[in-house]
């Protein structure tokens, strides 16, 4: 037993040492560090930040609220410089080449000018496709309801078998206190609960033991609401792109349309993402996708043809992307460099369009989790921003100050100000 505990301690110590070494090596290589936390000054009307981007002046343009929501233009002090209402939950936001602001949410698309005047709005092309795909959604709903029922039947069978085994053992010898409690109290209680759940489901089924029409329709409505989400929106030239859940299955599609939100067509399908997250951004060089469930960035042309891809899963995050599903977000600087953001570790890296790693930007203090971590690179200075969705604020990073190696006190002070 002591040898096992000793081995465990050695393993944990090795892992801790490795993690500390990795963190130190990343920090030594990084170009930026966290210097501030930007909280939107909205005490009178607090709202959740769903996503953000930066405008040509380097100001934060945030999509906020649960529907109806708001677009808020914010400075680095968190002051709201301008805001306006959006009739839906604004789930995705971006600034077009002409300075207008694109917003997508709940199957709707909007374009506003910089003062919040609505220039155009339309149903997202995938919203109409969803409404026209009732049969496909019905099949998916039935499949989901059937899968939901099967685990209950399996659990009931397993608990019945455990009770039977304990009863057989009790006939041959006396059960200990724990076994007796399992037989007479815990297992029967669990079994009754699962039987009640299964009975409730079966009461909602027709004579063929399938889900009722009411249950199917309710599930179809749930699927439509979830698939109406606009995961990202971006534009370049005459193209507007959005990413959405696929009509069938659990993948993601990229839709391309005109700058008037017309002539929508799917140009990429089968993308894999988790937690409702699929960030697709475009620039003059084409379309870049943070395909998080495949641990890579994919570069497409505007017809949806793949140009290249790069990335791999890497526990340390030095030579690849860390955690279970990364990168989560991408953005660009004025030189066309591609920046990637990793949730859980808060890591930002810079690549060229061919996927060559150019720089480790650095790590921010981020609440771990699989989620949207919108990033923005300022067009007016060297500031870089990342969304901490859980804490509902934005982290500001700036270049590390150059300093002699014999002045550790200055570095320590700078880091403490970034907490």
Protein backbone atom coordinates (compact mmCIF):
# COMPACT_ATOMS: atom_id res chain seq x y z
CA UNK A 1 0.00 0.00 0.00
CA UNK A 2 2.83 2.39 0.87
CA UNK A 3 4.52 1.67 -2.47
CA UNK A 4 1.29 2.51 -4.31
CA UNK A 5 0.92 5.79 -2.41
CA UNK A 6 4.57 6.61 -3.03
CA UNK A 7 4.16 5.94 -6.76
CA UNK A 8 1.08 8.16 -6.84
CA UNK A 9 2.98 10.97 -5.14
CA UNK A 10 5.84 10.62 -7.64
CA UNK A 11 3.43 10.72 -10.59
CA UNK A 12 1.62 13.79 -9.24
CA UNK A 13 4.89 15.54 -8.48
CA UNK A 14 6.19 14.78 -11.98
CA UNK A 15 3.00 16.08 -13.57
CA UNK A 16 3.09 19.23 -11.42
CA UNK A 17 6.74 19.80 -12.28
CA UNK A 18 6.04 19.25 -15.98
CA UNK A 19 3.07 21.64 -15.89
CA UNK A 20 5.12 24.28 -14.07
CA UNK A 21 7.97 23.89 -16.56
CA UNK A 22 5.53 24.17 -19.47
CA UNK A 23 3.91 27.28 -18.03
CA UNK A 24 7.32 28.85 -17.45
CA UNK A 25 8.53 28.04 -20.95
CA UNK A 26 5.37 29.50 -22.51
CA UNK A 27 5.68 32.61 -20.32
CA UNK A 28 9.32 33.03 -21.28
CA UNK A 29 8.42 32.86 -24.99
CA UNK A 30 5.31 35.04 -24.85
CA UNK A 31 5.26 38.53 -26.35
CA UNK A 32 2.35 39.92 -24.30
CA UNK A 33 1.02 39.79 -20.77
CA UNK A 34 -2.31 40.54 -19.17
CA UNK A 35 -2.46 44.08 -17.83
CA UNK A 36 -6.14 44.77 -17.17
CA UNK A 37 -9.64 43.41 -16.80
CA UNK A 38 -12.31 45.34 -18.70
CA UNK A 39 -15.74 45.18 -17.09
CA UNK A 40 -18.57 46.92 -18.89
CA UNK A 41 -19.90 49.74 -16.71
CA UNK A 42 -23.55 48.67 -16.89
CA UNK A 43 -24.64 48.57 -13.25
CA UNK A 44 -28.05 50.01 -14.17
CA UNK A 45 -28.63 47.42 -16.89
CA UNK A 46 -26.24 44.47 -16.51
CA UNK A 47 -26.05 42.10 -19.44
CA UNK A 48 -24.06 39.02 -20.39
CA UNK A 49 -21.34 39.49 -23.02
CA UNK A 50 -21.99 36.86 -25.69
CA UNK A 51 -19.24 37.84 -28.13
CA UNK A 52 -17.19 40.87 -29.16
CA UNK A 53 -14.99 42.30 -31.89
CA UNK A 54 -13.04 45.54 -32.40
CA UNK A 55 -13.87 48.43 -34.71
CA UNK A 56 -11.43 50.52 -36.78
CA UNK A 57 -10.76 52.74 -33.77
CA UNK A 58 -9.80 49.78 -31.60
CA UNK A 59 -12.96 50.03 -29.50
CA UNK A 60 -14.77 46.97 -28.18
CA UNK A 61 -18.04 46.19 -29.98
CA UNK A 62 -19.92 43.73 -27.78
CA UNK A 63 -23.03 41.62 -28.36
CA UNK A 64 -24.84 41.53 -25.02
CA UNK A 65 -28.00 40.15 -23.46
CA UNK A 66 -30.32 37.18 -23.75
CA UNK A 67 -32.96 38.62 -26.09
CA UNK A 68 -33.86 41.25 -26.71
CA UNK A 69 -30.27 42.33 -26.36
CA UNK A 70 -27.94 45.22 -27.08
CA UNK A 71 -24.88 46.14 -29.07
CA UNK A 72 -22.49 48.13 -26.89
CA UNK A 73 -19.41 50.07 -27.96
CA UNK A 74 -17.00 50.19 -25.03
CA UNK A 75 -13.60 51.73 -24.35
CA UNK A 76 -10.74 50.13 -22.40
CA UNK A 77 -12.09 51.59 -19.16
CA UNK A 78 -15.38 49.76 -19.65
CA UNK A 79 -17.35 52.94 -20.34
CA UNK A 80 -20.28 52.45 -22.71
CA UNK A 81 -19.77 55.01 -25.47
CA UNK A 82 -22.78 53.97 -27.46
CA UNK A 83 -25.48 51.29 -27.34
CA UNK A 84 -28.64 50.22 -29.12
CA UNK A 85 -31.25 47.50 -28.87
CA UNK A 86 -31.39 44.29 -30.90
CA UNK A 87 -34.73 42.47 -31.06
CA UNK A 88 -33.15 39.02 -30.57
CA UNK A 89 -30.33 37.58 -28.51
CA UNK A 90 -27.22 38.82 -30.36
CA UNK A 91 -25.10 35.67 -30.56
CA UNK A 92 -22.44 36.74 -33.08
CA UNK A 93 -21.00 40.12 -34.06
CA UNK A 94 -18.41 41.56 -36.43
CA UNK A 95 -17.40 44.78 -38.17
CA UNK A 96 -17.51 44.82 -41.98
CA UNK A 97 -14.92 46.45 -44.23
CA UNK A 98 -17.11 49.56 -44.59
CA UNK A 99 -17.38 49.98 -40.81
CA UNK A 100 -20.95 48.72 -40.53
CA UNK A 101 -21.69 46.24 -37.75
CA UNK A 102 -23.02 42.77 -38.52
CA UNK A 103 -25.08 40.93 -35.91
CA UNK A 104 -26.54 37.43 -36.01
CA UNK A 105 -28.81 35.70 -33.55
CA UNK A 106 -31.78 33.33 -33.27
CA UNK A 107 -32.09 32.93 -37.04
CA UNK A 108 -31.93 36.68 -37.80
CA UNK A 109 -29.23 38.83 -39.42
CA UNK A 110 -28.76 42.59 -39.03
CA UNK A 111 -26.49 45.34 -40.32
CA UNK A 112 -26.17 48.60 -38.37
CA UNK A 113 -24.15 51.73 -38.98
CA UNK A 114 -21.75 52.98 -36.32
CA UNK A 115 -24.49 55.01 -34.63
CA UNK A 116 -26.84 52.05 -34.30
CA UNK A 117 -29.17 52.82 -37.22
CA UNK A 118 -30.47 49.59 -38.75
CA UNK A 119 -29.41 49.42 -42.39
CA UNK A 120 -30.87 46.02 -43.19
CA UNK A 121 -32.24 42.88 -41.59
CA UNK A 122 -33.31 39.47 -42.85
CA UNK A 123 -33.95 35.91 -41.84
CA UNK A 124 -30.78 33.85 -41.89
CA UNK A 125 -30.76 31.45 -44.87
CA UNK A 126 -30.47 28.50 -42.52
CA UNK A 127 -33.59 29.62 -40.64
CA UNK A 128 -35.78 29.15 -43.70
CA UNK A 129 -34.02 25.87 -44.45
CA UNK A 130 -34.89 24.68 -40.95
CA UNK A 131 -38.53 25.59 -41.40
CA UNK A 132 -38.58 23.65 -44.67
CA UNK A 133 -36.92 20.56 -43.13
CA UNK A 134 -39.64 19.32 -40.80
CA UNK A 135 -39.38 15.71 -41.99
CA UNK A 136 -35.61 15.56 -41.41
CA UNK A 137 -36.05 17.17 -38.01
CA UNK A 138 -38.88 14.77 -37.17
CA UNK A 139 -36.61 11.78 -37.84
CA UNK A 140 -33.88 13.33 -35.72
CA UNK A 141 -36.37 14.01 -32.90
CA UNK A 142 -37.64 10.41 -32.89
CA UNK A 143 -34.07 9.11 -32.88
CA UNK A 144 -33.22 11.37 -29.93
CA UNK A 145 -36.31 10.32 -27.95
CA UNK A 146 -35.60 6.64 -28.59
CA UNK A 147 -32.01 7.03 -27.42
CA UNK A 148 -33.21 8.85 -24.33
CA UNK A 149 -35.52 5.93 -23.46
CA UNK A 150 -32.97 3.14 -23.92
CA UNK A 151 -30.57 4.16 -21.11
CA UNK A 152 -33.45 4.02 -18.61
CA UNK A 153 -34.29 0.48 -19.65
CA UNK A 154 -30.62 -0.50 -19.34
CA UNK A 155 -30.32 1.04 -15.88
CA UNK A 156 -33.49 -0.73 -14.67
CA UNK A 157 -32.20 -4.09 -15.93
CA UNK A 158 -28.83 -3.51 -14.26
CA UNK A 159 -30.35 -2.63 -10.87
CA UNK A 160 -32.75 -5.58 -11.03
CA UNK A 161 -29.78 -7.85 -11.69
CA UNK A 162 -27.83 -6.41 -8.75
CA UNK A 163 -30.80 -6.96 -6.41
CA UNK A 164 -31.15 -10.55 -7.66
CA UNK A 165 -27.47 -11.27 -7.01
CA UNK A 166 -27.63 -9.86 -3.49
CA UNK A 167 -30.77 -11.90 -2.73
CA UNK A 168 -29.02 -15.07 -3.93
CA UNK A 169 -26.00 -14.26 -1.78
CA UNK A 170 -28.26 -13.61 1.24
CA UNK A 171 -29.72 -17.12 0.88
CA UNK A 172 -26.25 -18.63 1.31
CA UNK A 173 -24.68 -16.30 3.87
CA UNK A 174 -25.35 -13.22 5.92
CA UNK A 175 -24.82 -9.93 4.11
CA UNK A 176 -22.63 -7.29 5.70
CA UNK A 177 -24.11 -3.96 6.75
CA UNK A 178 -23.26 -2.20 3.48
CA UNK A 179 -24.68 -4.99 1.32
CA UNK A 180 -27.85 -5.16 3.42
CA UNK A 181 -28.37 -1.42 3.00
CA UNK A 182 -27.84 -1.72 -0.74
CA UNK A 183 -30.42 -4.53 -0.95
CA UNK A 184 -33.12 -3.05 1.24
CA UNK A 185 -32.70 0.69 0.77
CA UNK A 186 -30.44 2.13 -1.90
CA UNK A 187 -31.09 -0.14 -4.87
CA UNK A 188 -34.88 -0.28 -4.46
CA UNK A 189 -35.01 3.50 -4.17
CA UNK A 190 -32.96 3.96 -7.36
CA UNK A 191 -35.01 1.29 -9.14
CA UNK A 192 -38.30 2.95 -8.22
CA UNK A 193 -37.08 6.30 -9.48
CA UNK A 194 -36.01 4.95 -12.87
CA UNK A 195 -39.22 2.92 -13.23
CA UNK A 196 -41.23 6.07 -12.58
CA UNK A 197 -39.25 7.96 -15.23
CA UNK A 198 -39.74 5.15 -17.75
CA UNK A 199 -43.46 4.92 -16.94
CA UNK A 200 -43.80 8.65 -17.55
CA UNK A 201 -42.14 8.28 -20.92
CA UNK A 202 -44.25 5.26 -21.87
CA UNK A 203 -47.44 7.10 -20.88
CA UNK A 204 -46.48 9.63 -23.53
CA UNK A 205 -46.08 6.95 -26.21
CA UNK A 206 -48.55 5.53 -28.69
CA UNK A 207 -49.68 1.92 -29.12
CA UNK A 208 -46.59 1.11 -31.21
CA UNK A 209 -44.41 2.04 -28.24
CA UNK A 210 -43.04 5.03 -30.07
CA UNK A 211 -42.99 8.67 -28.92
CA UNK A 212 -46.31 10.49 -29.11
CA UNK A 213 -46.93 13.24 -31.62
CA UNK A 214 -46.86 15.78 -28.81
CA UNK A 215 -43.46 14.56 -27.64
CA UNK A 216 -42.09 14.51 -31.19
CA UNK A 217 -43.33 18.03 -31.93
CA UNK A 218 -41.93 19.33 -28.66
CA UNK A 219 -38.55 17.82 -29.54
CA UNK A 220 -38.71 19.25 -33.09
CA UNK A 221 -39.36 22.70 -31.61
CA UNK A 222 -36.39 22.25 -29.28
CA UNK A 223 -34.15 21.24 -32.19
CA UNK A 224 -35.26 24.24 -34.26
CA UNK A 225 -34.51 26.64 -31.40
CA UNK A 226 -31.06 25.17 -30.82
CA UNK A 227 -30.18 25.02 -34.53
CA UNK A 228 -31.36 28.59 -35.15
CA UNK A 229 -28.27 29.83 -33.33
CA UNK A 230 -25.76 31.83 -35.37
CA UNK A 231 -22.35 30.70 -34.12
CA UNK A 232 -20.34 33.37 -35.96
CA UNK A 233 -20.70 36.08 -38.59
CA UNK A 234 -18.03 37.78 -40.71
CA UNK A 235 -17.57 39.46 -44.06
CA UNK A 236 -14.99 40.41 -46.65
CA UNK A 237 -15.80 42.41 -49.75
CA UNK A 238 -19.16 41.33 -51.13
CA UNK A 239 -19.32 38.16 -49.01
CA UNK A 240 -21.10 37.64 -45.70
CA UNK A 241 -20.46 34.33 -43.96
CA UNK A 242 -22.17 32.67 -41.02
CA UNK A 243 -21.61 29.36 -39.30
CA UNK A 244 -24.57 27.36 -38.01
CA UNK A 245 -25.50 23.88 -36.85
CA UNK A 246 -26.20 21.51 -39.73
CA UNK A 247 -29.85 20.67 -40.41
CA UNK A 248 -29.16 16.98 -39.99
CA UNK A 249 -26.73 15.51 -37.48
CA UNK A 250 -24.48 17.39 -35.13
CA UNK A 251 -21.93 19.04 -37.42
CA UNK A 252 -21.66 22.63 -38.59
CA UNK A 253 -22.11 24.36 -41.94
CA UNK A 254 -20.72 27.55 -43.43
CA UNK A 255 -23.24 29.66 -45.35
CA UNK A 256 -22.12 32.29 -47.87
CA UNK A 257 -24.43 35.07 -49.05
CA UNK A 258 -24.33 38.50 -50.63
CA UNK A 259 -23.76 41.66 -48.63
CA UNK A 260 -27.56 42.13 -48.79
CA UNK A 261 -28.09 38.80 -46.97
CA UNK A 262 -29.44 37.21 -50.18
CA UNK A 263 -28.50 34.17 -52.30
CA UNK A 264 -27.45 32.09 -49.31
CA UNK A 265 -25.75 28.76 -50.01
CA UNK A 266 -23.87 26.17 -47.98
CA UNK A 267 -20.23 26.08 -49.11
CA UNK A 268 -18.72 23.94 -46.32
CA UNK A 269 -20.38 21.18 -44.32
CA UNK A 270 -19.33 18.52 -41.83
CA UNK A 271 -17.28 20.76 -39.52
CA UNK A 272 -16.89 19.39 -36.02
CA UNK A 273 -17.24 21.53 -32.92
CA UNK A 274 -18.32 21.18 -29.33
CA UNK A 275 -20.36 23.26 -26.87
CA UNK A 276 -22.22 25.06 -29.66
CA UNK A 277 -18.98 26.73 -30.72
CA UNK A 278 -17.78 27.08 -34.31
CA UNK A 279 -15.89 30.28 -35.08
CA UNK A 280 -15.55 31.10 -38.78
CA UNK A 281 -13.83 34.34 -39.81
CA UNK A 282 -12.84 35.67 -43.22
CA UNK A 283 -10.43 38.22 -44.65
CA UNK A 284 -9.01 38.94 -48.09
CA UNK A 285 -6.97 35.73 -47.90
CA UNK A 286 -10.07 33.57 -47.50
CA UNK A 287 -12.01 31.78 -44.78
CA UNK A 288 -10.39 30.51 -41.56
CA UNK A 289 -12.17 28.09 -39.25
CA UNK A 290 -11.34 27.21 -35.64
CA UNK A 291 -12.45 23.57 -35.95
CA UNK A 292 -12.09 22.87 -32.26
CA UNK A 293 -13.12 19.21 -32.13
CA UNK A 294 -10.41 18.37 -34.68
CA UNK A 295 -7.78 20.52 -32.93
CA UNK A 296 -6.99 22.52 -36.03
CA UNK A 297 -7.44 25.65 -38.10
CA UNK A 298 -8.76 25.14 -41.63
CA UNK A 299 -8.22 27.64 -44.45
CA UNK A 300 -10.79 27.67 -47.30
CA UNK A 301 -11.24 29.85 -50.35
CA UNK A 302 -14.52 31.69 -50.85
CA UNK A 303 -15.97 28.76 -52.79
CA UNK A 304 -15.45 26.47 -49.82
CA UNK A 305 -12.45 24.61 -51.24
CA UNK A 306 -9.83 23.74 -48.63
CA UNK A 307 -6.48 25.42 -49.11
CA UNK A 308 -4.68 24.05 -46.06
CA UNK A 309 -5.10 23.15 -42.41
CA UNK A 310 -2.83 22.98 -39.41
CA UNK A 311 -2.85 21.93 -35.77
CA UNK A 312 -2.92 18.87 -33.56
CA UNK A 313 -3.90 17.88 -30.05
CA UNK A 314 -1.14 18.64 -27.57
CA UNK A 315 -1.53 18.35 -23.80
CA UNK A 316 1.09 21.01 -23.11
CA UNK A 317 -0.15 23.33 -25.84
CA UNK A 318 3.37 24.19 -26.97
CA UNK A 319 3.45 22.49 -30.36
CA UNK A 320 -0.29 22.06 -30.82
CA UNK A 321 -3.59 23.02 -29.23
CA UNK A 322 -4.24 22.10 -25.61
CA UNK A 323 -7.21 20.77 -23.64
CA UNK A 324 -9.99 18.68 -25.19
CA UNK A 325 -11.25 20.98 -27.96
CA UNK A 326 -9.14 23.86 -29.26
CA UNK A 327 -8.64 26.34 -30.83
CA UNK A 328 -12.02 27.94 -30.09
CA UNK A 329 -11.67 31.28 -31.89
CA UNK A 330 -9.66 33.01 -34.59
CA UNK A 331 -9.09 36.60 -35.72
CA UNK A 332 -6.65 38.63 -37.84
CA UNK A 333 -4.39 41.63 -37.60
CA UNK A 334 -3.89 44.30 -40.27
CA UNK A 335 -1.03 42.26 -41.80
CA UNK A 336 -3.21 39.20 -42.35
CA UNK A 337 -1.70 37.14 -39.55
CA UNK A 338 -4.03 34.59 -37.96
CA UNK A 339 -4.49 34.59 -34.18
CA UNK A 340 -5.93 31.58 -32.33
CA UNK A 341 -7.53 31.49 -28.88
CA UNK A 342 -7.66 28.42 -26.64
CA UNK A 343 -10.25 28.07 -23.91
CA UNK A 344 -9.32 26.45 -20.56
CA UNK A 345 -5.73 27.75 -20.75
CA UNK A 346 -6.45 31.23 -22.17
CA UNK A 347 -3.64 30.89 -24.71
CA UNK A 348 -3.22 33.07 -27.81
CA UNK A 349 -0.85 32.31 -30.70
CA UNK A 350 0.02 34.04 -33.95
CA UNK A 351 0.39 32.22 -37.28
CA UNK A 352 0.82 33.22 -40.89
CA UNK A 353 -1.84 32.19 -43.40
CA UNK A 354 0.09 29.01 -44.20
CA UNK A 355 -0.05 27.84 -40.59
CA UNK A 356 3.53 28.63 -39.58
CA UNK A 357 3.73 29.58 -35.90
CA UNK A 358 5.10 33.10 -35.64
CA UNK A 359 4.70 33.94 -31.96
CA UNK A 360 3.27 32.90 -28.61
CA UNK A 361 1.25 35.93 -27.62
CA UNK A 362 0.67 34.66 -24.08
CA UNK A 363 -1.87 33.33 -21.58
CA UNK A 364 -4.61 35.19 -19.76
CA UNK A 365 -6.18 34.33 -16.42
CA UNK A 366 -9.26 32.47 -17.67
CA UNK A 367 -11.92 30.34 -15.99
CA UNK A 368 -11.38 26.88 -17.54
CA UNK A 369 -14.08 25.36 -19.71
CA UNK A 370 -15.19 24.61 -23.25
CA UNK A 371 -16.65 27.93 -24.42
CA UNK A 372 -16.45 30.97 -26.66
CA UNK A 373 -13.25 32.96 -26.09
CA UNK A 374 -13.64 35.79 -28.61
CA UNK A 375 -10.39 37.60 -29.36
CA UNK A 376 -9.52 40.87 -31.06
CA UNK A 377 -6.29 42.47 -32.22
CA UNK A 378 -6.34 46.25 -32.14
CA UNK A 379 -5.80 48.02 -35.48
CA UNK A 380 -4.41 51.14 -33.76
CA UNK A 381 -1.89 49.75 -31.25
CA UNK A 382 -0.47 46.46 -29.96
CA UNK A 383 -3.37 45.62 -27.63
CA UNK A 384 -4.95 42.16 -27.77
CA UNK A 385 -8.24 41.23 -26.10
CA UNK A 386 -9.89 37.99 -24.99
CA UNK A 387 -13.36 37.28 -23.60
CA UNK A 388 -13.67 35.54 -20.23
CA UNK A 389 -17.25 34.37 -20.74
CA UNK A 390 -17.70 32.92 -17.25
CA UNK A 391 -16.63 36.07 -15.42
CA UNK A 392 -18.38 38.28 -17.98
CA UNK A 393 -15.42 40.53 -18.69
CA UNK A 394 -12.67 41.03 -21.26
CA UNK A 395 -8.94 40.62 -20.63
CA UNK A 396 -6.53 43.19 -22.05
CA UNK A 397 -3.02 42.15 -23.07
CA UNK A 398 -0.14 44.44 -23.98
CA UNK A 399 3.47 43.83 -25.05
CA UNK A 400 5.83 42.94 -22.25
CA UNK A 401 8.04 45.85 -21.24
CA UNK A 402 11.67 45.57 -22.16
CA UNK A 403 13.81 45.55 -19.04
CA UNK A 404 17.25 44.44 -17.87
CA UNK A 405 17.39 40.95 -16.43
CA UNK A 406 18.72 42.34 -13.13
CA UNK A 407 15.43 44.16 -12.36
CA UNK A 408 13.03 41.38 -11.35
CA UNK A 409 11.06 43.72 -9.11
CA UNK A 410 9.60 45.64 -12.05
CA UNK A 411 8.32 42.43 -13.70
CA UNK A 412 6.78 41.24 -10.45
CA UNK A 413 4.92 44.54 -10.03
CA UNK A 414 3.60 44.40 -13.61
CA UNK A 415 2.27 40.90 -13.15
CA UNK A 416 0.54 41.73 -9.90
CA UNK A 417 -1.35 44.53 -11.62
CA UNK A 418 -2.74 42.01 -14.10
CA UNK A 419 -4.64 39.94 -11.54
